[in-house]
């Protein structure tokens, strides 16, 4: 067992580890998605509160809450990617990207769908690296 890990856990994130370009693309797209979601969510809640005098404000508040919730999910997806849980991150990215397209900010949804498309090559590279780094089978006696 290496230091900093416990049975059944992923190794601690190593910042000096070289990441494939797909990893960097996914993290960049998710970072910008998160920033846009946070800005739009706050704006929607503020507009909703200001226009609460008329019934329209309730719609903005609901949309703002959904947008801010998508923002929290983006942060969880980024954590999954950092922990190399690519398959779970991929499915979450698609789900929350569609929700962002429908109920939130169109550009964020598009960025998340773009990030989703990058996962396949990252998963393939990770599997190839795991296969080439696996120890050889012991000789049969």
Protein backbone atom coordinates (compact mmCIF):
# COMPACT_ATOMS: atom_id res chain seq x y z
CA UNK A 1 0.00 0.00 0.00
CA UNK A 2 1.39 3.41 -0.92
CA UNK A 3 1.37 6.25 1.53
CA UNK A 4 -1.66 8.49 1.36
CA UNK A 5 -4.06 5.77 0.26
CA UNK A 6 -6.28 3.31 2.01
CA UNK A 7 -7.74 0.01 0.78
CA UNK A 8 -10.31 0.49 -1.96
CA UNK A 9 -9.43 4.14 -2.61
CA UNK A 10 -8.02 5.97 -5.56
CA UNK A 11 -4.48 7.30 -5.17
CA UNK A 12 -4.19 10.90 -4.07
CA UNK A 13 -4.16 13.35 -6.98
CA UNK A 14 -0.60 13.87 -8.19
CA UNK A 15 -0.25 17.35 -9.78
CA UNK A 16 3.01 16.38 -11.51
CA UNK A 17 1.37 13.49 -13.37
CA UNK A 18 1.18 14.15 -17.12
CA UNK A 19 -2.42 14.28 -18.25
CA UNK A 20 -3.58 13.51 -21.81
CA UNK A 21 -4.87 16.43 -23.91
CA UNK A 22 -8.43 15.12 -23.61
CA UNK A 23 -8.22 15.47 -19.84
CA UNK A 24 -7.16 19.10 -20.18
CA UNK A 25 -9.95 19.78 -22.71
CA UNK A 26 -12.60 18.23 -20.48
CA UNK A 27 -11.43 20.15 -17.42
CA UNK A 28 -11.31 23.44 -19.36
CA UNK A 29 -14.81 22.95 -20.79
CA UNK A 30 -16.17 22.03 -17.36
CA UNK A 31 -14.41 25.00 -15.74
CA UNK A 32 -16.00 27.46 -18.17
CA UNK A 33 -19.36 25.71 -17.86
CA UNK A 34 -19.18 26.13 -14.10
CA UNK A 35 -18.22 29.80 -14.29
CA UNK A 36 -21.07 30.57 -16.71
CA UNK A 37 -23.57 28.60 -14.62
CA UNK A 38 -22.62 30.48 -11.47
CA UNK A 39 -22.91 33.90 -13.14
CA UNK A 40 -26.21 33.13 -14.87
CA UNK A 41 -27.66 31.46 -11.77
CA UNK A 42 -26.91 34.46 -9.58
CA UNK A 43 -28.32 36.84 -12.21
CA UNK A 44 -31.51 34.79 -12.54
CA UNK A 45 -32.07 34.75 -8.78
CA UNK A 46 -31.43 38.50 -8.51
CA UNK A 47 -33.77 39.29 -11.42
CA UNK A 48 -36.32 36.95 -9.88
CA UNK A 49 -36.13 38.73 -6.54
CA UNK A 50 -36.36 42.16 -8.16
CA UNK A 51 -39.35 41.18 -10.28
CA UNK A 52 -41.03 39.19 -7.52
CA UNK A 53 -43.60 41.96 -7.23
CA UNK A 54 -45.15 40.54 -10.35
CA UNK A 55 -45.55 36.79 -10.74
CA UNK A 56 -42.80 36.59 -13.39
CA UNK A 57 -40.14 36.77 -10.65
CA UNK A 58 -41.00 33.28 -9.44
CA UNK A 59 -39.99 31.81 -12.81
CA UNK A 60 -36.57 33.48 -12.64
CA UNK A 61 -36.02 32.28 -9.10
CA UNK A 62 -36.84 28.69 -10.12
CA UNK A 63 -34.53 28.90 -13.16
CA UNK A 64 -31.81 30.43 -11.00
CA UNK A 65 -32.03 27.62 -8.48
CA UNK A 66 -31.84 25.02 -11.27
CA UNK A 67 -28.86 26.82 -12.78
CA UNK A 68 -27.04 26.97 -9.46
CA UNK A 69 -27.78 23.28 -8.88
CA UNK A 70 -26.24 22.45 -12.28
CA UNK A 71 -23.22 24.48 -11.17
CA UNK A 72 -22.80 22.24 -8.11
CA UNK A 73 -23.09 19.15 -10.31
CA UNK A 74 -20.35 20.48 -12.63
CA UNK A 75 -18.03 20.74 -9.64
CA UNK A 76 -18.82 17.13 -8.70
CA UNK A 77 -18.13 16.04 -12.29
CA UNK A 78 -14.75 17.80 -12.21
CA UNK A 79 -13.94 15.95 -8.99
CA UNK A 80 -14.87 12.65 -10.65
CA UNK A 81 -12.52 13.44 -13.53
CA UNK A 82 -9.69 14.30 -11.13
CA UNK A 83 -10.29 10.96 -9.39
CA UNK A 84 -10.25 9.15 -12.77
CA UNK A 85 -13.88 8.05 -12.54
CA UNK A 86 -14.29 8.78 -16.22
CA UNK A 87 -17.29 6.55 -16.96
CA UNK A 88 -19.40 8.06 -14.17
CA UNK A 89 -18.26 11.56 -15.10
CA UNK A 90 -19.18 10.95 -18.74
CA UNK A 91 -22.75 9.90 -17.95
CA UNK A 92 -23.21 12.75 -15.47
CA UNK A 93 -21.87 15.24 -18.01
CA UNK A 94 -24.43 14.15 -20.59
CA UNK A 95 -27.34 14.25 -18.14
CA UNK A 96 -26.51 17.66 -16.68
CA UNK A 97 -25.54 19.02 -20.09
CA UNK A 98 -29.04 18.21 -21.37
CA UNK A 99 -30.62 19.75 -18.27
CA UNK A 100 -28.49 22.88 -18.81
CA UNK A 101 -29.63 23.01 -22.44
CA UNK A 102 -33.30 22.77 -21.48
CA UNK A 103 -33.58 24.78 -18.27
CA UNK A 104 -30.48 26.85 -17.93
CA UNK A 105 -27.92 28.52 -20.14
CA UNK A 106 -27.63 27.25 -23.72
CA UNK A 107 -23.87 27.89 -24.02
CA UNK A 108 -23.17 25.94 -20.83
CA UNK A 109 -25.17 22.99 -22.13
CA UNK A 110 -23.21 23.06 -25.40
CA UNK A 111 -19.87 23.20 -23.53
CA UNK A 112 -20.90 20.23 -21.43
CA UNK A 113 -21.97 18.22 -24.48
CA UNK A 114 -18.57 19.02 -26.03
CA UNK A 115 -16.88 17.77 -22.86
CA UNK A 116 -19.01 14.61 -23.08
CA UNK A 117 -17.65 13.89 -26.57
CA UNK A 118 -14.05 14.00 -25.26
CA UNK A 119 -14.54 11.24 -22.70
CA UNK A 120 -14.41 8.26 -25.09
CA UNK A 121 -10.85 8.89 -26.21
CA UNK A 122 -9.79 9.61 -22.61
CA UNK A 123 -11.36 6.36 -21.38
CA UNK A 124 -9.69 4.44 -24.22
CA UNK A 125 -6.28 5.93 -23.40
CA UNK A 126 -6.72 5.15 -19.71
CA UNK A 127 -7.63 1.54 -20.49
CA UNK A 128 -4.63 1.19 -22.82
CA UNK A 129 -2.30 2.59 -20.15
CA UNK A 130 -3.73 0.21 -17.55
CA UNK A 131 -3.31 -2.73 -19.95
CA UNK A 132 0.30 -1.91 -20.79
CA UNK A 133 1.20 -1.30 -17.15
CA UNK A 134 -0.31 -4.54 -15.85
CA UNK A 135 2.25 -7.03 -14.50
CA UNK A 136 3.02 -10.05 -16.67
CA UNK A 137 1.38 -13.34 -15.80
CA UNK A 138 3.57 -15.68 -13.73
CA UNK A 139 4.92 -18.70 -15.60
CA UNK A 140 2.75 -21.78 -15.53
CA UNK A 141 4.37 -24.79 -13.87
